[in-house]
C-alpha atoms as a PDB file:
ATOM      1  CA  MET A   1      -7.255 -38.125  50.626  1.00  0.00           C
ATOM      2  CA  ALA A   2      -5.834 -36.689  47.417  1.00  0.00           C
ATOM      3  CA  LYS A   3      -7.280 -37.749  44.127  1.00  0.00           C
ATOM      4  CA  ALA A   4      -4.850 -39.203  41.643  1.00  0.00           C
ATOM      5  CA  LYS A   5      -4.450 -37.061  38.547  1.00  0.00           C
ATOM      6  CA  ARG A   6      -5.454 -38.744  35.382  1.00  0.00           C
ATOM      7  CA  GLU A   7      -3.094 -38.300  32.446  1.00  0.00           C
ATOM      8  CA  ARG A   8      -4.684 -36.904  29.340  1.00  0.00           C
ATOM      9  CA  THR A   9      -3.635 -38.134  25.983  1.00  0.00           C
ATOM     10  CA  PRO A  10      -3.767 -35.538  23.235  1.00  0.00           C
ATOM     11  CA  LYS A  11      -6.303 -36.096  20.499  1.00  0.00           C
ATOM     12  CA  VAL A  12      -5.001 -36.198  16.985  1.00  0.00           C
ATOM     13  CA  HIS A  13      -7.168 -34.494  14.395  1.00  0.00           C
ATOM     14  CA  ALA A  14      -6.348 -35.483  10.849  1.00  0.00           C
ATOM     15  CA  LEU A  15      -7.183 -32.851   8.258  1.00  0.00           C
ATOM     16  CA  GLU A  16      -7.200 -33.455   4.549  1.00  0.00           C
ATOM     17  CA  MET A  17      -6.183 -30.693   2.212  1.00  0.00           C
ATOM     18  CA  ARG A  18      -5.374 -30.691  -1.465  1.00  0.00           C
ATOM     19  CA  ASP A  19      -1.948 -29.454  -2.434  1.00  0.00           C
ATOM     20  CA  TYR A  20      -2.343 -25.810  -3.455  1.00  0.00           C
ATOM     21  CA  SER A  21      -1.107 -22.387  -2.445  1.00  0.00           C
ATOM     22  CA  LEU A  22      -2.639 -18.921  -2.594  1.00  0.00           C
ATOM     23  CA  GLY A  23      -1.245 -18.568  -6.087  1.00  0.00           C
ATOM     24  CA  SER A  24      -2.931 -21.750  -7.220  1.00  0.00           C
ATOM     25  CA  PRO A  25      -4.490 -21.664 -10.688  1.00  0.00           C
ATOM     26  CA  GLU A  26      -7.624 -23.168  -9.156  1.00  0.00           C
ATOM     27  CA  LEU A  27      -8.374 -19.941  -7.287  1.00  0.00           C
ATOM     28  CA  PRO A  28     -10.367 -17.378  -9.266  1.00  0.00           C
ATOM     29  CA  LYS A  29      -8.424 -14.342 -10.435  1.00  0.00           C
ATOM     30  CA  PRO A  30     -10.028 -10.955  -9.773  1.00  0.00           C
ATOM     31  CA  THR A  31     -10.725  -8.942 -12.881  1.00  0.00           C
ATOM     32  CA  LEU A  32     -10.533  -5.195 -13.168  1.00  0.00           C
ATOM     33  CA  THR A  33     -13.723  -4.082 -14.840  1.00  0.00           C
ATOM     34  CA  VAL A  34     -13.470  -0.390 -14.015  1.00  0.00           C
ATOM     35  CA  THR A  35     -13.944   1.631 -17.173  1.00  0.00           C
ATOM     36  CA  ARG A  36     -13.809   5.050 -15.555  1.00  0.00           C
ATOM     37  CA  PHE A  37     -11.593   6.047 -12.631  1.00  0.00           C
ATOM     38  CA  PRO A  38     -12.362   8.854 -10.183  1.00  0.00           C
ATOM     39  CA  GLU A  39     -10.786  12.154 -11.213  1.00  0.00           C
ATOM     40  CA  LEU A  40      -8.005  12.167  -8.624  1.00  0.00           C
ATOM     41  CA  LEU A  41      -7.049   8.566  -9.316  1.00  0.00           C
ATOM     42  CA  ALA A  42      -6.981   9.300 -13.040  1.00  0.00           C
ATOM     43  CA  LEU A  43      -4.686  12.261 -12.333  1.00  0.00           C
ATOM     44  CA  ALA A  44      -2.392  10.043 -10.244  1.00  0.00           C
ATOM     45  CA  ARG A  45      -2.254   7.520 -13.118  1.00  0.00           C
ATOM     46  CA  THR A  46      -1.373  10.342 -15.514  1.00  0.00           C
ATOM     47  CA  ALA A  47       1.517  11.345 -13.248  1.00  0.00           C
ATOM     48  CA  ILE A  48       2.772   7.766 -13.117  1.00  0.00           C
ATOM     49  CA  SER A  49       2.724   7.482 -16.906  1.00  0.00           C
ATOM     50  CA  HIS A  50       4.337  10.940 -17.260  1.00  0.00           C
ATOM     51  CA  PHE A  51       7.233  10.328 -14.852  1.00  0.00           C
ATOM     52  CA  GLY A  52       7.591   6.562 -15.263  1.00  0.00           C
ATOM     53  CA  THR A  53       8.427   4.097 -12.512  1.00  0.00           C
ATOM     54  CA  ASP A  54      11.534   2.422 -11.138  1.00  0.00           C
ATOM     55  CA  GLU A  55      12.110  -1.325 -10.691  1.00  0.00           C
ATOM     56  CA  ASN A  56       9.926  -1.342  -7.545  1.00  0.00           C
ATOM     57  CA  GLY A  57       7.001   0.361  -9.272  1.00  0.00           C
ATOM     58  CA  ASN A  58       7.577   3.692  -7.515  1.00  0.00           C
ATOM     59  CA  VAL A  59       7.875   7.082  -9.206  1.00  0.00           C
ATOM     60  CA  PRO A  60      11.544   8.036  -8.725  1.00  0.00           C
ATOM     61  CA  GLU A  61      11.042  11.823  -8.827  1.00  0.00           C
ATOM     62  CA  LYS A  62      11.609  14.029  -5.800  1.00  0.00           C
ATOM     63  CA  GLN A  63       8.548  15.047  -3.826  1.00  0.00           C
ATOM     64  CA  ARG A  64       9.026  18.726  -4.681  1.00  0.00           C
ATOM     65  CA  VAL A  65       9.004  17.970  -8.433  1.00  0.00           C
ATOM     66  CA  LEU A  66       5.804  15.947  -8.138  1.00  0.00           C
ATOM     67  CA  ILE A  67       4.060  18.629  -6.063  1.00  0.00           C
ATOM     68  CA  GLU A  68       4.980  21.299  -8.599  1.00  0.00           C
ATOM     69  CA  TRP A  69       3.742  19.113 -11.466  1.00  0.00           C
ATOM     70  CA  PHE A  70       0.413  18.431  -9.746  1.00  0.00           C
ATOM     71  CA  GLN A  71      -0.087  22.150  -9.119  1.00  0.00           C
ATOM     72  CA  THR A  72       0.236  22.838 -12.861  1.00  0.00           C
ATOM     73  CA  GLN A  73      -2.674  20.464 -13.549  1.00  0.00           C
ATOM     74  CA  ARG A  74      -6.366  21.256 -13.320  1.00  0.00           C
ATOM     75  CA  LEU A  75      -9.280  19.167 -12.098  1.00  0.00           C
ATOM     76  CA  PRO A  76     -11.987  18.270 -14.656  1.00  0.00           C
ATOM     77  CA  ASN A  77     -14.221  21.034 -13.283  1.00  0.00           C
ATOM     78  CA  GLY A  78     -11.452  23.583 -13.973  1.00  0.00           C
ATOM     79  CA  ALA A  79     -10.438  24.099 -10.345  1.00  0.00           C
ATOM     80  CA  PRO A  80      -6.725  24.365  -9.581  1.00  0.00           C
ATOM     81  CA  ILE A  81      -5.072  21.762  -7.388  1.00  0.00           C
ATOM     82  CA  THR A  82      -4.246  23.166  -3.960  1.00  0.00           C
ATOM     83  CA  PRO A  83      -0.816  22.624  -2.389  1.00  0.00           C
ATOM     84  CA  ARG A  84      -2.367  20.319   0.208  1.00  0.00           C
ATOM     85  CA  LEU A  85      -4.074  18.167  -2.436  1.00  0.00           C
ATOM     86  CA  ALA A  86      -0.869  18.122  -4.503  1.00  0.00           C
ATOM     87  CA  THR A  87       1.012  16.846  -1.441  1.00  0.00           C
ATOM     88  CA  MET A  88      -1.579  14.110  -0.884  1.00  0.00           C
ATOM     89  CA  LEU A  89      -1.411  13.003  -4.519  1.00  0.00           C
ATOM     90  CA  THR A  90       2.386  13.000  -4.321  1.00  0.00           C
ATOM     91  CA  THR A  91       2.193  10.688  -1.324  1.00  0.00           C
ATOM     92  CA  ILE A  92      -0.005   8.282  -3.274  1.00  0.00           C
ATOM     93  CA  VAL A  93       2.106   8.371  -6.447  1.00  0.00           C
ATOM     94  CA  GLY A  94       5.497   8.429  -4.743  1.00  0.00           C
ATOM     95  CA  GLY A  95       5.229   4.973  -3.258  1.00  0.00           C
ATOM     96  CA  VAL A  96       7.080   3.674  -0.240  1.00  0.00           C
ATOM     97  CA  ARG A  97      10.254   5.557   0.610  1.00  0.00           C
ATOM     98  CA  LYS A  98      12.918   5.147   3.219  1.00  0.00           C
ATOM     99  CA  GLY A  99      13.161   7.732   5.913  1.00  0.00           C
ATOM    100  CA  GLY A 100      10.673   9.313   8.190  1.00  0.00           C
ATOM    101  CA  ARG A 101      10.913  10.608  11.682  1.00  0.00           C
ATOM    102  CA  PRO A 102      13.507   8.898  13.871  1.00  0.00           C
ATOM    103  CA  PRO A 103      12.223   7.095  16.952  1.00  0.00           C
ATOM    104  CA  ASN A 104      11.975   9.097  20.153  1.00  0.00           C
ATOM    105  CA  ARG A 105      14.952   8.102  22.248  1.00  0.00           C
ATOM    106  CA  LYS A 106      14.624   8.880  25.913  1.00  0.00           C
ATOM    107  CA  LYS A 107      17.854   9.642  27.665  1.00  0.00           C
ATOM    108  CA  LEU A 108      18.524   7.389  30.595  1.00  0.00           C
ATOM    109  CA  LYS A 109      19.535   9.074  33.806  1.00  0.00           C
ATOM    110  CA  PRO A 110      22.691   7.667  35.375  1.00  0.00           C
END
C-alpha cells in the first residue's frame, strides 16, 4: 500500500527593513586618518600628482614613460629604484587598462 503524499504549503517569512541603501547617510563614513604613508605609496602619489589623471582617475601616460620616471627617483634611504620595482609601481599608478593576453583558442580538428 502506497502512502499518499502530503502537499506542503510554503511558509511565508515577513521581514521588516527600513528603506535605505548602501549609500545611506545613516551608515558611518570611514575616515582617512593616515598622516604618513609608506615610502612606496608616497612615491606613487607623487607620480599621480606629477602626471595628473584622466576622467577615470587613471594616469594617462604610457607605461614606458612611467617606468623611466620612477627610475629617476630615489627611495628615502637613497637607494635607486630597480627596473622591477619601477614596473610594479607603474602597474599600481597606471590603473586599469584594456588589453592583455588574448584567450588561448584551441583549434578544433575536423
